[in-house]
């Protein structure tokens, strides 16, 4: 591999024993301590062509867990994170609409009661 600086380095991948306890294929988004489904990756690093070292953190019980996981397990974690982000976005849009509807109702009521003055603008 040629680096941007022009230096050449040899990349060697370590292929660990898949039966090694470091290679876990459990659902990474589920906390091993409390069972929360909100586990998030804090740090990650490639460990060969099909494994990743990932530091995971549970915001529910504050548990940190580090391990080397398969590409499939990390891809599933990524899919769960994407689904969670989409849910947060949907909830955010719903809350914004509800807040705007409430604000519009209050404004309409204030107009109806002649509570809006030119000085308000």
PDB file of N, CA and C in Angstrom:
ATOM      1  N   UNK A   1       0.857  -1.161   0.000  1.00  0.00           N
ATOM      2  CA  UNK A   1       0.000   0.000   0.000  1.00  0.00           C
ATOM      3  C   UNK A   1       0.910   1.232   0.000  1.00  0.00           C
ATOM      4  N   UNK A   2       0.579   2.212  -0.822  1.00  0.00           N
ATOM      5  CA  UNK A   2       1.330   3.459  -0.887  1.00  0.00           C
ATOM      6  C   UNK A   2       0.565   4.528  -0.105  1.00  0.00           C
ATOM      7  N   UNK A   3       1.225   5.120   0.893  1.00  0.00           N
ATOM      8  CA  UNK A   3       0.615   6.175   1.699  1.00  0.00           C
ATOM      9  C   UNK A   3       0.669   7.502   0.954  1.00  0.00           C
ATOM     10  N   UNK A   4      -0.173   8.472   1.343  1.00  0.00           N
ATOM     11  CA  UNK A   4      -0.149   9.782   0.702  1.00  0.00           C
ATOM     12  C   UNK A   4       1.230  10.443   0.736  1.00  0.00           C
ATOM     13  N   UNK A   5       2.023  10.092   1.745  1.00  0.00           N
ATOM     14  CA  UNK A   5       3.367  10.670   1.846  1.00  0.00           C
ATOM     15  C   UNK A   5       4.322  10.068   0.826  1.00  0.00           C
ATOM     16  N   UNK A   6       3.904   9.002   0.143  1.00  0.00           N
ATOM     17  CA  UNK A   6       4.745   8.332  -0.834  1.00  0.00           C
ATOM     18  C   UNK A   6       5.431   7.099  -0.283  1.00  0.00           C
ATOM     19  N   UNK A   7       5.375   6.902   1.037  1.00  0.00           N
ATOM     20  CA  UNK A   7       5.994   5.738   1.646  1.00  0.00           C
ATOM     21  C   UNK A   7       5.175   4.491   1.335  1.00  0.00           C
ATOM     22  N   UNK A   8       5.861   3.389   1.231  1.00  0.00           N
ATOM     23  CA  UNK A   8       5.215   2.113   0.941  1.00  0.00           C
ATOM     24  C   UNK A   8       5.193   1.275   2.215  1.00  0.00           C
ATOM     25  N   UNK A   9       4.034   0.706   2.529  1.00  0.00           N
ATOM     26  CA  UNK A   9       3.920  -0.174   3.689  1.00  0.00           C
ATOM     27  C   UNK A   9       3.263  -1.471   3.256  1.00  0.00           C
ATOM     28  N   UNK A  10       3.625  -2.531   3.937  1.00  0.00           N
ATOM     29  CA  UNK A  10       3.012  -3.820   3.673  1.00  0.00           C
ATOM     30  C   UNK A  10       1.902  -4.031   4.689  1.00  0.00           C
ATOM     31  N   UNK A  11       0.709  -4.343   4.219  1.00  0.00           N
ATOM     32  CA  UNK A  11      -0.421  -4.588   5.101  1.00  0.00           C
ATOM     33  C   UNK A  11      -0.560  -6.093   5.262  1.00  0.00           C
ATOM     34  N   UNK A  12      -0.507  -6.532   6.513  1.00  0.00           N
ATOM     35  CA  UNK A  12      -0.641  -7.945   6.832  1.00  0.00           C
ATOM     36  C   UNK A  12      -1.883  -8.100   7.688  1.00  0.00           C
ATOM     37  N   UNK A  13      -2.799  -8.965   7.263  1.00  0.00           N
ATOM     38  CA  UNK A  13      -4.014  -9.204   8.025  1.00  0.00           C
ATOM     39  C   UNK A  13      -3.828 -10.423   8.917  1.00  0.00           C
ATOM     40  N   UNK A  14      -4.278 -10.298  10.154  1.00  0.00           N
ATOM     41  CA  UNK A  14      -4.263 -11.411  11.089  1.00  0.00           C
ATOM     42  C   UNK A  14      -5.598 -12.118  10.995  1.00  0.00           C
ATOM     43  N   UNK A  15      -5.575 -13.361  10.687  1.00  0.00           N
ATOM     44  CA  UNK A  15      -6.800 -14.156  10.673  1.00  0.00           C
ATOM     45  C   UNK A  15      -6.799 -15.018  11.931  1.00  0.00           C
ATOM     46  N   UNK A  16      -7.583 -14.588  12.889  1.00  0.00           N
ATOM     47  CA  UNK A  16      -7.641 -15.315  14.145  1.00  0.00           C
ATOM     48  C   UNK A  16      -8.487 -16.557  14.040  1.00  0.00           C
ATOM     49  N   UNK A  17      -8.357 -17.383  15.037  1.00  0.00           N
ATOM     50  CA  UNK A  17      -9.151 -18.595  15.125  1.00  0.00           C
ATOM     51  C   UNK A  17     -10.596 -18.203  15.400  1.00  0.00           C
ATOM     52  N   UNK A  18     -11.556 -18.563  14.537  1.00  0.00           N
ATOM     53  CA  UNK A  18     -12.947 -18.175  14.762  1.00  0.00           C
ATOM     54  C   UNK A  18     -13.527 -18.760  16.043  1.00  0.00           C
ATOM     55  N   UNK A  19     -12.857 -19.758  16.636  1.00  0.00           N
ATOM     56  CA  UNK A  19     -13.327 -20.322  17.892  1.00  0.00           C
ATOM     57  C   UNK A  19     -12.718 -19.598  19.090  1.00  0.00           C
ATOM     58  N   UNK A  20     -11.822 -18.660  18.826  1.00  0.00           N
ATOM     59  CA  UNK A  20     -11.225 -17.846  19.885  1.00  0.00           C
ATOM     60  C   UNK A  20     -12.342 -17.063  20.561  1.00  0.00           C
ATOM     61  N   UNK A  21     -12.304 -16.944  21.897  1.00  0.00           N
ATOM     62  CA  UNK A  21     -13.378 -16.281  22.635  1.00  0.00           C
ATOM     63  C   UNK A  21     -13.510 -14.810  22.290  1.00  0.00           C
ATOM     64  N   UNK A  22     -12.493 -14.213  21.683  1.00  0.00           N
ATOM     65  CA  UNK A  22     -12.571 -12.793  21.323  1.00  0.00           C
ATOM     66  C   UNK A  22     -13.522 -12.575  20.146  1.00  0.00           C
ATOM     67  N   UNK A  23     -13.759 -13.598  19.365  1.00  0.00           N
ATOM     68  CA  UNK A  23     -14.622 -13.470  18.198  1.00  0.00           C
ATOM     69  C   UNK A  23     -16.043 -13.869  18.581  1.00  0.00           C
ATOM     70  N   UNK A  24     -16.829 -12.862  18.943  1.00  0.00           N
ATOM     71  CA  UNK A  24     -18.196 -13.111  19.387  1.00  0.00           C
ATOM     72  C   UNK A  24     -19.163 -12.680  18.294  1.00  0.00           C
ATOM     73  N   UNK A  25     -20.220 -13.438  18.118  1.00  0.00           N
ATOM     74  CA  UNK A  25     -21.210 -13.094  17.101  1.00  0.00           C
ATOM     75  C   UNK A  25     -22.581 -12.827  17.705  1.00  0.00           C
ATOM     76  N   UNK A  26     -22.607 -12.428  18.971  1.00  0.00           N
ATOM     77  CA  UNK A  26     -23.880 -12.048  19.592  1.00  0.00           C
ATOM     78  C   UNK A  26     -24.364 -10.734  19.003  1.00  0.00           C
ATOM     79  N   UNK A  27     -25.631 -10.422  19.218  1.00  0.00           N
ATOM     80  CA  UNK A  27     -26.177  -9.134  18.779  1.00  0.00           C
ATOM     81  C   UNK A  27     -25.473  -8.038  19.573  1.00  0.00           C
ATOM     82  N   UNK A  28     -24.703  -7.216  18.890  1.00  0.00           N
ATOM     83  CA  UNK A  28     -23.862  -6.239  19.568  1.00  0.00           C
ATOM     84  C   UNK A  28     -24.650  -5.063  20.139  1.00  0.00           C
ATOM     85  N   UNK A  29     -25.864  -4.824  19.643  1.00  0.00           N
ATOM     86  CA  UNK A  29     -26.650  -3.697  20.134  1.00  0.00           C
ATOM     87  C   UNK A  29     -27.361  -4.003  21.452  1.00  0.00           C
ATOM     88  N   UNK A  30     -27.268  -5.237  21.926  1.00  0.00           N
ATOM     89  CA  UNK A  30     -27.900  -5.638  23.180  1.00  0.00           C
ATOM     90  C   UNK A  30     -26.826  -5.732  24.262  1.00  0.00           C
ATOM     91  N   UNK A  31     -27.046  -5.043  25.370  1.00  0.00           N
ATOM     92  CA  UNK A  31     -26.077  -5.012  26.467  1.00  0.00           C
ATOM     93  C   UNK A  31     -26.013  -6.378  27.157  1.00  0.00           C
ATOM     94  N   UNK A  32     -24.798  -6.854  27.384  1.00  0.00           N
ATOM     95  CA  UNK A  32     -24.620  -8.125  28.093  1.00  0.00           C
ATOM     96  C   UNK A  32     -24.851  -7.956  29.592  1.00  0.00           C
ATOM     97  N   UNK A  33     -24.837  -6.698  30.066  1.00  0.00           N
ATOM     98  CA  UNK A  33     -25.034  -6.443  31.491  1.00  0.00           C
ATOM     99  C   UNK A  33     -26.477  -6.281  31.881  1.00  0.00           C
ATOM    100  N   UNK A  34     -27.197  -5.408  31.170  1.00  0.00           N
ATOM    101  CA  UNK A  34     -28.565  -5.084  31.583  1.00  0.00           C
ATOM    102  C   UNK A  34     -29.629  -5.459  30.546  1.00  0.00           C
ATOM    103  N   UNK A  35     -29.211  -5.861  29.357  1.00  0.00           N
ATOM    104  CA  UNK A  35     -30.175  -6.249  28.326  1.00  0.00           C
ATOM    105  C   UNK A  35     -30.727  -5.099  27.505  1.00  0.00           C
ATOM    106  N   UNK A  36     -30.274  -3.887  27.775  1.00  0.00           N
ATOM    107  CA  UNK A  36     -30.729  -2.726  27.001  1.00  0.00           C
ATOM    108  C   UNK A  36     -30.365  -2.906  25.532  1.00  0.00           C
ATOM    109  N   UNK A  37     -31.224  -2.397  24.663  1.00  0.00           N
ATOM    110  CA  UNK A  37     -30.981  -2.508  23.221  1.00  0.00           C
ATOM    111  C   UNK A  37     -30.414  -1.192  22.666  1.00  0.00           C
ATOM    112  N   UNK A  38     -29.750  -0.412  23.521  1.00  0.00           N
ATOM    113  CA  UNK A  38     -29.239   0.906  23.136  1.00  0.00           C
ATOM    114  C   UNK A  38     -27.716   0.971  23.077  1.00  0.00           C
ATOM    115  N   UNK A  39     -27.038  -0.156  23.011  1.00  0.00           N
ATOM    116  CA  UNK A  39     -25.573  -0.186  23.009  1.00  0.00           C
ATOM    117  C   UNK A  39     -25.041   0.526  21.767  1.00  0.00           C
ATOM    118  N   UNK A  40     -23.987   1.316  21.981  1.00  0.00           N
ATOM    119  CA  UNK A  40     -23.410   2.133  20.914  1.00  0.00           C
ATOM    120  C   UNK A  40     -21.914   1.855  20.784  1.00  0.00           C
ATOM    121  N   UNK A  41     -21.395   1.904  19.555  1.00  0.00           N
ATOM    122  CA  UNK A  41     -19.945   1.772  19.396  1.00  0.00           C
ATOM    123  C   UNK A  41     -19.265   3.088  19.768  1.00  0.00           C
ATOM    124  N   UNK A  42     -18.172   2.994  20.498  1.00  0.00           N
ATOM    125  CA  UNK A  42     -17.411   4.166  20.910  1.00  0.00           C
ATOM    126  C   UNK A  42     -16.143   4.279  20.067  1.00  0.00           C
ATOM    127  N   UNK A  43     -15.540   3.138  19.767  1.00  0.00           N
ATOM    128  CA  UNK A  43     -14.307   3.105  18.993  1.00  0.00           C
ATOM    129  C   UNK A  43     -14.270   1.787  18.230  1.00  0.00           C
ATOM    130  N   UNK A  44     -13.642   1.794  17.072  1.00  0.00           N
ATOM    131  CA  UNK A  44     -13.539   0.573  16.280  1.00  0.00           C
ATOM    132  C   UNK A  44     -12.283   0.639  15.430  1.00  0.00           C
ATOM    133  N   UNK A  45     -11.819  -0.538  15.077  1.00  0.00           N
ATOM    134  CA  UNK A  45     -10.599  -0.659  14.284  1.00  0.00           C
ATOM    135  C   UNK A  45     -10.654  -1.975  13.526  1.00  0.00           C
ATOM    136  N   UNK A  46     -10.294  -1.928  12.269  1.00  0.00           N
ATOM    137  CA  UNK A  46     -10.302  -3.130  11.444  1.00  0.00           C
ATOM    138  C   UNK A  46      -9.256  -4.114  11.964  1.00  0.00           C
ATOM    139  N   UNK A  47      -9.642  -5.366  12.041  1.00  0.00           N
ATOM    140  CA  UNK A  47      -8.729  -6.422  12.477  1.00  0.00           C
ATOM    141  C   UNK A  47      -8.682  -7.525  11.431  1.00  0.00           C
ATOM    142  N   UNK A  48      -8.344  -7.161  10.250  1.00  0.00           N
ATOM    143  CA  UNK A  48      -8.282  -8.137   9.174  1.00  0.00           C
ATOM    144  C   UNK A  48      -9.414  -7.908   8.203  1.00  0.00           C
ATOM    145  N   UNK A  49      -9.482  -8.738   7.196  1.00  0.00           N
ATOM    146  CA  UNK A  49     -10.486  -8.520   6.154  1.00  0.00           C
ATOM    147  C   UNK A  49     -11.923  -8.785   6.594  1.00  0.00           C
ATOM    148  N   UNK A  50     -12.108  -9.550   7.682  1.00  0.00           N
ATOM    149  CA  UNK A  50     -13.487  -9.875   8.069  1.00  0.00           C
ATOM    150  C   UNK A  50     -13.743  -9.828   9.571  1.00  0.00           C
ATOM    151  N   UNK A  51     -12.941  -9.022  10.296  1.00  0.00           N
ATOM    152  CA  UNK A  51     -13.160  -8.853  11.732  1.00  0.00           C
ATOM    153  C   UNK A  51     -12.851  -7.418  12.137  1.00  0.00           C
ATOM    154  N   UNK A  52     -13.515  -6.974  13.205  1.00  0.00           N
ATOM    155  CA  UNK A  52     -13.346  -5.617  13.731  1.00  0.00           C
ATOM    156  C   UNK A  52     -13.179  -5.673  15.237  1.00  0.00           C
ATOM    157  N   UNK A  53     -12.269  -4.849  15.767  1.00  0.00           N
ATOM    158  CA  UNK A  53     -12.194  -4.626  17.207  1.00  0.00           C
ATOM    159  C   UNK A  53     -13.125  -3.459  17.483  1.00  0.00           C
ATOM    160  N   UNK A  54     -14.081  -3.663  18.377  1.00  0.00           N
ATOM    161  CA  UNK A  54     -15.077  -2.629  18.665  1.00  0.00           C
ATOM    162  C   UNK A  54     -15.180  -2.443  20.178  1.00  0.00           C
ATOM    163  N   UNK A  55     -15.185  -1.171  20.590  1.00  0.00           N
ATOM    164  CA  UNK A  55     -15.454  -0.815  21.975  1.00  0.00           C
ATOM    165  C   UNK A  55     -16.907  -0.374  22.029  1.00  0.00           C
ATOM    166  N   UNK A  56     -17.700  -1.067  22.826  1.00  0.00           N
ATOM    167  CA  UNK A  56     -19.133  -0.805  22.927  1.00  0.00           C
ATOM    168  C   UNK A  56     -19.446  -0.184  24.285  1.00  0.00           C
ATOM    169  N   UNK A  57     -20.472   0.667  24.319  1.00  0.00           N
ATOM    170  CA  UNK A  57     -20.885   1.337  25.551  1.00  0.00           C
ATOM    171  C   UNK A  57     -22.400   1.298  25.673  1.00  0.00           C
ATOM    172  N   UNK A  58     -22.876   0.960  26.858  1.00  0.00           N
ATOM    173  CA  UNK A  58     -24.312   0.950  27.135  1.00  0.00           C
ATOM    174  C   UNK A  58     -24.656   2.208  27.920  1.00  0.00           C
ATOM    175  N   UNK A  59     -25.523   3.080  27.370  1.00  0.00           N
ATOM    176  CA  UNK A  59     -25.903   4.293  28.088  1.00  0.00           C
ATOM    177  C   UNK A  59     -26.836   4.021  29.260  1.00  0.00           C
ATOM    178  N   UNK A  60     -27.380   2.830  29.325  1.00  0.00           N
ATOM    179  CA  UNK A  60     -28.310   2.493  30.396  1.00  0.00           C
ATOM    180  C   UNK A  60     -27.571   2.136  31.692  1.00  0.00           C
ATOM    181  N   UNK A  61     -26.588   1.257  31.590  1.00  0.00           N
ATOM    182  CA  UNK A  61     -25.873   0.817  32.793  1.00  0.00           C
ATOM    183  C   UNK A  61     -24.407   1.241  32.798  1.00  0.00           C
ATOM    184  N   UNK A  62     -23.983   1.991  31.775  1.00  0.00           N
ATOM    185  CA  UNK A  62     -22.610   2.516  31.677  1.00  0.00           C
ATOM    186  C   UNK A  62     -21.556   1.430  31.461  1.00  0.00           C
ATOM    187  N   UNK A  63     -21.963   0.241  31.068  1.00  0.00           N
ATOM    188  CA  UNK A  63     -21.027  -0.855  30.836  1.00  0.00           C
ATOM    189  C   UNK A  63     -20.242  -0.621  29.545  1.00  0.00           C
ATOM    190  N   UNK A  64     -18.930  -0.808  29.601  1.00  0.00           N
ATOM    191  CA  UNK A  64     -18.076  -0.790  28.417  1.00  0.00           C
ATOM    192  C   UNK A  64     -17.660  -2.229  28.136  1.00  0.00           C
ATOM    193  N   UNK A  65     -17.674  -2.586  26.866  1.00  0.00           N
ATOM    194  CA  UNK A  65     -17.261  -3.933  26.469  1.00  0.00           C
ATOM    195  C   UNK A  65     -16.457  -3.814  25.197  1.00  0.00           C
ATOM    196  N   UNK A  66     -15.343  -4.492  25.150  1.00  0.00           N
ATOM    197  CA  UNK A  66     -14.504  -4.478  23.954  1.00  0.00           C
ATOM    198  C   UNK A  66     -14.317  -5.898  23.476  1.00  0.00           C
ATOM    199  N   UNK A  67     -14.329  -6.075  22.166  1.00  0.00           N
ATOM    200  CA  UNK A  67     -14.112  -7.397  21.620  1.00  0.00           C
ATOM    201  C   UNK A  67     -13.790  -7.311  20.153  1.00  0.00           C
ATOM    202  N   UNK A  68     -13.441  -8.445  19.598  1.00  0.00           N
ATOM    203  CA  UNK A  68     -13.195  -8.561  18.167  1.00  0.00           C
ATOM    204  C   UNK A  68     -14.375  -9.337  17.599  1.00  0.00           C
ATOM    205  N   UNK A  69     -15.046  -8.730  16.622  1.00  0.00           N
ATOM    206  CA  UNK A  69     -16.293  -9.276  16.119  1.00  0.00           C
ATOM    207  C   UNK A  69     -16.232  -9.473  14.610  1.00  0.00           C
ATOM    208  N   UNK A  70     -17.050 -10.371  14.119  1.00  0.00           N
ATOM    209  CA  UNK A  70     -17.086 -10.657  12.687  1.00  0.00           C
ATOM    210  C   UNK A  70     -17.687  -9.491  11.914  1.00  0.00           C
ATOM    211  N   UNK A  71     -17.399  -9.454  10.636  1.00  0.00           N
ATOM    212  CA  UNK A  71     -17.957  -8.428   9.755  1.00  0.00           C
ATOM    213  C   UNK A  71     -19.481  -8.484   9.783  1.00  0.00           C
ATOM    214  N   UNK A  72     -20.025  -9.690   9.814  1.00  0.00           N
ATOM    215  CA  UNK A  72     -21.488  -9.846   9.836  1.00  0.00           C
ATOM    216  C   UNK A  72     -22.096  -9.241  11.100  1.00  0.00           C
ATOM    217  N   UNK A  73     -21.455  -9.466  12.251  1.00  0.00           N
ATOM    218  CA  UNK A  73     -21.970  -8.919  13.510  1.00  0.00           C
ATOM    219  C   UNK A  73     -21.909  -7.399  13.502  1.00  0.00           C
ATOM    220  N   UNK A  74     -20.826  -6.843  12.950  1.00  0.00           N
ATOM    221  CA  UNK A  74     -20.671  -5.389  12.894  1.00  0.00           C
ATOM    222  C   UNK A  74     -21.671  -4.788  11.907  1.00  0.00           C
ATOM    223  N   UNK A  75     -21.920  -5.470  10.798  1.00  0.00           N
ATOM    224  CA  UNK A  75     -22.919  -4.988   9.838  1.00  0.00           C
ATOM    225  C   UNK A  75     -24.316  -4.999  10.457  1.00  0.00           C
ATOM    226  N   UNK A  76     -24.621  -6.003  11.267  1.00  0.00           N
ATOM    227  CA  UNK A  76     -25.914  -6.052  11.956  1.00  0.00           C
ATOM    228  C   UNK A  76     -26.026  -4.911  12.959  1.00  0.00           C
ATOM    229  N   UNK A  77     -24.941  -4.616  13.678  1.00  0.00           N
ATOM    230  CA  UNK A  77     -24.927  -3.477  14.597  1.00  0.00           C
ATOM    231  C   UNK A  77     -25.188  -2.191  13.819  1.00  0.00           C
ATOM    232  N   UNK A  78     -24.546  -2.040  12.679  1.00  0.00           N
ATOM    233  CA  UNK A  78     -24.750  -0.852  11.845  1.00  0.00           C
ATOM    234  C   UNK A  78     -26.204  -0.746  11.399  1.00  0.00           C
ATOM    235  N   UNK A  79     -26.801  -1.864  11.028  1.00  0.00           N
ATOM    236  CA  UNK A  79     -28.210  -1.855  10.616  1.00  0.00           C
ATOM    237  C   UNK A  79     -29.112  -1.444  11.785  1.00  0.00           C
ATOM    238  N   UNK A  80     -28.804  -1.937  12.981  1.00  0.00           N
ATOM    239  CA  UNK A  80     -29.589  -1.563  14.157  1.00  0.00           C
ATOM    240  C   UNK A  80     -29.435  -0.077  14.477  1.00  0.00           C
ATOM    241  N   UNK A  81     -28.210   0.454  14.322  1.00  0.00           N
ATOM    242  CA  UNK A  81     -27.977   1.881  14.553  1.00  0.00           C
ATOM    243  C   UNK A  81     -28.737   2.728  13.540  1.00  0.00           C
ATOM    244  N   UNK A  82     -28.749   2.299  12.281  1.00  0.00           N
ATOM    245  CA  UNK A  82     -29.498   3.011  11.243  1.00  0.00           C
ATOM    246  C   UNK A  82     -30.993   3.003  11.550  1.00  0.00           C
ATOM    247  N   UNK A  83     -31.500   1.859  11.967  1.00  0.00           N
ATOM    248  CA  UNK A  83     -32.925   1.758  12.310  1.00  0.00           C
ATOM    249  C   UNK A  83     -33.247   2.664  13.491  1.00  0.00           C
ATOM    250  N   UNK A  84     -32.361   2.710  14.479  1.00  0.00           N
ATOM    251  CA  UNK A  84     -32.568   3.587  15.624  1.00  0.00           C
ATOM    252  C   UNK A  84     -32.540   5.053  15.236  1.00  0.00           C
ATOM    253  N   UNK A  85     -31.611   5.415  14.367  1.00  0.00           N
ATOM    254  CA  UNK A  85     -31.532   6.804  13.900  1.00  0.00           C
ATOM    255  C   UNK A  85     -32.788   7.185  13.128  1.00  0.00           C
ATOM    256  N   UNK A  86     -33.304   6.271  12.329  1.00  0.00           N
ATOM    257  CA  UNK A  86     -34.531   6.530  11.578  1.00  0.00           C
ATOM    258  C   UNK A  86     -35.713   6.716  12.529  1.00  0.00           C
ATOM    259  N   UNK A  87     -35.776   5.910  13.585  1.00  0.00           N
ATOM    260  CA  UNK A  87     -36.848   6.045  14.575  1.00  0.00           C
ATOM    261  C   UNK A  87     -36.768   7.397  15.281  1.00  0.00           C
ATOM    262  N   UNK A  88     -35.564   7.806  15.643  1.00  0.00           N
ATOM    263  CA  UNK A  88     -35.378   9.118  16.287  1.00  0.00           C
ATOM    264  C   UNK A  88     -35.833  10.227  15.351  1.00  0.00           C
ATOM    265  N   UNK A  89     -35.482  10.128  14.074  1.00  0.00           N
ATOM    266  CA  UNK A  89     -35.879  11.142  13.098  1.00  0.00           C
ATOM    267  C   UNK A  89     -37.398  11.195  12.945  1.00  0.00           C
ATOM    268  N   UNK A  90     -38.045  10.024  12.881  1.00  0.00           N
ATOM    269  CA  UNK A  90     -39.510   9.994  12.766  1.00  0.00           C
ATOM    270  C   UNK A  90     -40.155  10.627  13.998  1.00  0.00           C
ATOM    271  N   UNK A  91     -39.633  10.292  15.183  1.00  0.00           N
ATOM    272  CA  UNK A  91     -40.174  10.872  16.416  1.00  0.00           C
ATOM    273  C   UNK A  91     -39.965  12.383  16.447  1.00  0.00           C
ATOM    274  N   UNK A  92     -38.801  12.820  16.010  1.00  0.00           N
ATOM    275  CA  UNK A  92     -38.511  14.254  15.960  1.00  0.00           C
ATOM    276  C   UNK A  92     -39.500  14.981  15.055  1.00  0.00           C
ATOM    277  N   UNK A  93     -39.728  14.447  13.846  1.00  0.00           N
ATOM    278  CA  UNK A  93     -40.681  15.075  12.909  1.00  0.00           C
ATOM    279  C   UNK A  93     -42.076  15.127  13.517  1.00  0.00           C
ATOM    280  N   UNK A  94     -42.486  14.051  14.189  1.00  0.00           N
ATOM    281  CA  UNK A  94     -43.808  14.008  14.808  1.00  0.00           C
ATOM    282  C   UNK A  94     -43.919  15.078  15.901  1.00  0.00           C
ATOM    283  N   UNK A  95     -42.890  15.221  16.723  1.00  0.00           N
ATOM    284  CA  UNK A  95     -42.899  16.226  17.783  1.00  0.00           C
ATOM    285  C   UNK A  95     -42.896  17.646  17.225  1.00  0.00           C
ATOM    286  N   UNK A  96     -42.134  17.875  16.171  1.00  0.00           N
ATOM    287  CA  UNK A  96     -42.102  19.208  15.558  1.00  0.00           C
ATOM    288  C   UNK A  96     -43.483  19.560  15.021  1.00  0.00           C
ATOM    289  N   UNK A  97     -44.130  18.610  14.344  1.00  0.00           N
ATOM    290  CA  UNK A  97     -45.480  18.869  13.821  1.00  0.00           C
ATOM    291  C   UNK A  97     -46.460  19.164  14.951  1.00  0.00           C
ATOM    292  N   UNK A  98     -46.382  18.388  16.007  1.00  0.00           N
ATOM    293  CA  UNK A  98     -47.290  18.593  17.138  1.00  0.00           C
ATOM    294  C   UNK A  98     -47.047  19.951  17.789  1.00  0.00           C
ATOM    295  N   UNK A  99     -45.786  20.319  17.966  1.00  0.00           N
ATOM    296  CA  UNK A  99     -45.466  21.623  18.555  1.00  0.00           C
ATOM    297  C   UNK A  99     -45.931  22.769  17.670  1.00  0.00           C
ATOM    298  N   UNK A 100     -45.734  22.638  16.359  1.00  0.00           N
ATOM    299  CA  UNK A 100     -46.155  23.697  15.448  1.00  0.00           C
ATOM    300  C   UNK A 100     -47.674  23.819  15.407  1.00  0.00           C
ATOM    301  N   UNK A 101     -48.365  22.691  15.455  1.00  0.00           N
ATOM    302  CA  UNK A 101     -49.830  22.728  15.462  1.00  0.00           C
ATOM    303  C   UNK A 101     -50.335  23.423  16.728  1.00  0.00           C
ATOM    304  N   UNK A 102     -49.720  23.112  17.862  1.00  0.00           N
ATOM    305  CA  UNK A 102     -50.116  23.748  19.111  1.00  0.00           C
ATOM    306  C   UNK A 102     -49.831  25.254  19.074  1.00  0.00           C
ATOM    307  N   UNK A 103     -48.684  25.619  18.531  1.00  0.00           N
ATOM    308  CA  UNK A 103     -48.326  27.034  18.425  1.00  0.00           C
ATOM    309  C   UNK A 103     -49.296  27.769  17.495  1.00  0.00           C
ATOM    310  N   UNK A 104     -49.668  27.134  16.391  1.00  0.00           N
ATOM    311  CA  UNK A 104     -50.611  27.755  15.460  1.00  0.00           C
ATOM    312  C   UNK A 104     -51.979  27.939  16.119  1.00  0.00           C
ATOM    313  N   UNK A 105     -52.402  26.967  16.908  1.00  0.00           N
ATOM    314  CA  UNK A 105     -53.686  27.086  17.612  1.00  0.00           C
ATOM    315  C   UNK A 105     -53.655  28.247  18.607  1.00  0.00           C
ATOM    316  N   UNK A 106     -52.546  28.360  19.354  1.00  0.00           N
ATOM    317  CA  UNK A 106     -52.430  29.472  20.312  1.00  0.00           C
ATOM    318  C   UNK A 106     -52.425  30.818  19.580  1.00  0.00           C
ATOM    319  N   UNK A 107     -51.747  30.899  18.452  1.00  0.00           N
ATOM    320  CA  UNK A 107     -51.688  32.138  17.685  1.00  0.00           C
ATOM    321  C   UNK A 107     -53.074  32.498  17.146  1.00  0.00           C
ATOM    322  N   UNK A 108     -53.788  31.486  16.621  1.00  0.00           N
ATOM    323  CA  UNK A 108     -55.136  31.725  16.099  1.00  0.00           C
ATOM    324  C   UNK A 108     -56.065  32.193  17.211  1.00  0.00           C
ATOM    325  N   UNK A 109     -55.952  31.598  18.383  1.00  0.00           N
ATOM    326  CA  UNK A 109     -56.777  32.013  19.522  1.00  0.00           C
ATOM    327  C   UNK A 109     -56.445  33.451  19.927  1.00  0.00           C
ATOM    328  N   UNK A 110     -55.169  33.794  19.934  1.00  0.00           N
ATOM    329  CA  UNK A 110     -54.765  35.161  20.278  1.00  0.00           C
ATOM    330  C   UNK A 110     -55.296  36.157  19.247  1.00  0.00           C
ATOM    331  N   UNK A 111     -55.278  35.773  17.978  1.00  0.00           N
ATOM    332  CA  UNK A 111     -55.845  36.648  16.940  1.00  0.00           C
ATOM    333  C   UNK A 111     -57.349  36.826  17.156  1.00  0.00           C
ATOM    334  N   UNK A 112     -58.015  35.734  17.445  1.00  0.00           N
ATOM    335  CA  UNK A 112     -59.454  35.752  17.651  1.00  0.00           C
ATOM    336  C   UNK A 112     -59.834  36.664  18.833  1.00  0.00           C
ATOM    337  N   UNK A 113     -59.007  36.716  19.861  1.00  0.00           N
ATOM    338  CA  UNK A 113     -59.289  37.527  21.047  1.00  0.00           C
ATOM    339  C   UNK A 113     -58.690  38.940  20.948  1.00  0.00           C
ATOM    340  N   UNK A 114     -58.165  39.286  19.797  1.00  0.00           N
ATOM    341  CA  UNK A 114     -57.512  40.587  19.591  1.00  0.00           C
ATOM    342  C   UNK A 114     -56.379  40.831  20.589  1.00  0.00           C
ATOM    343  N   UNK A 115     -55.615  39.798  20.853  1.00  0.00           N
ATOM    344  CA  UNK A 115     -54.485  39.904  21.781  1.00  0.00           C
ATOM    345  C   UNK A 115     -53.180  40.192  21.049  1.00  0.00           C
ATOM    346  N   UNK A 116     -53.200  40.211  19.740  1.00  0.00           N
ATOM    347  CA  UNK A 116     -51.990  40.464  18.935  1.00  0.00           C
ATOM    348  C   UNK A 116     -52.000  41.945  18.545  1.00  0.00           C
ATOM    349  N   UNK A 117     -50.941  42.646  18.909  1.00  0.00           N
ATOM    350  CA  UNK A 117     -50.820  44.064  18.616  1.00  0.00           C
ATOM    351  C   UNK A 117     -49.689  44.288  17.612  1.00  0.00           C
ATOM    352  N   UNK A 118     -49.679  45.435  16.914  1.00  0.00           N
ATOM    353  CA  UNK A 118     -48.586  45.712  15.982  1.00  0.00           C
ATOM    354  C   UNK A 118     -47.226  45.691  16.669  1.00  0.00           C
ATOM    355  N   UNK A 119     -47.181  46.046  17.937  1.00  0.00           N
ATOM    356  CA  UNK A 119     -45.916  46.060  18.672  1.00  0.00           C
ATOM    357  C   UNK A 119     -45.347  44.653  18.877  1.00  0.00           C
ATOM    358  N   UNK A 120     -46.191  43.643  18.700  1.00  0.00           N
ATOM    359  CA  UNK A 120     -45.736  42.269  18.863  1.00  0.00           C
ATOM    360  C   UNK A 120     -44.831  41.811  17.720  1.00  0.00           C
ATOM    361  N   UNK A 121     -44.798  42.603  16.640  1.00  0.00           N
ATOM    362  CA  UNK A 121     -43.983  42.242  15.486  1.00  0.00           C
ATOM    363  C   UNK A 121     -42.869  43.162  15.318  1.00  0.00           C
TER     364      UNK A 121
END
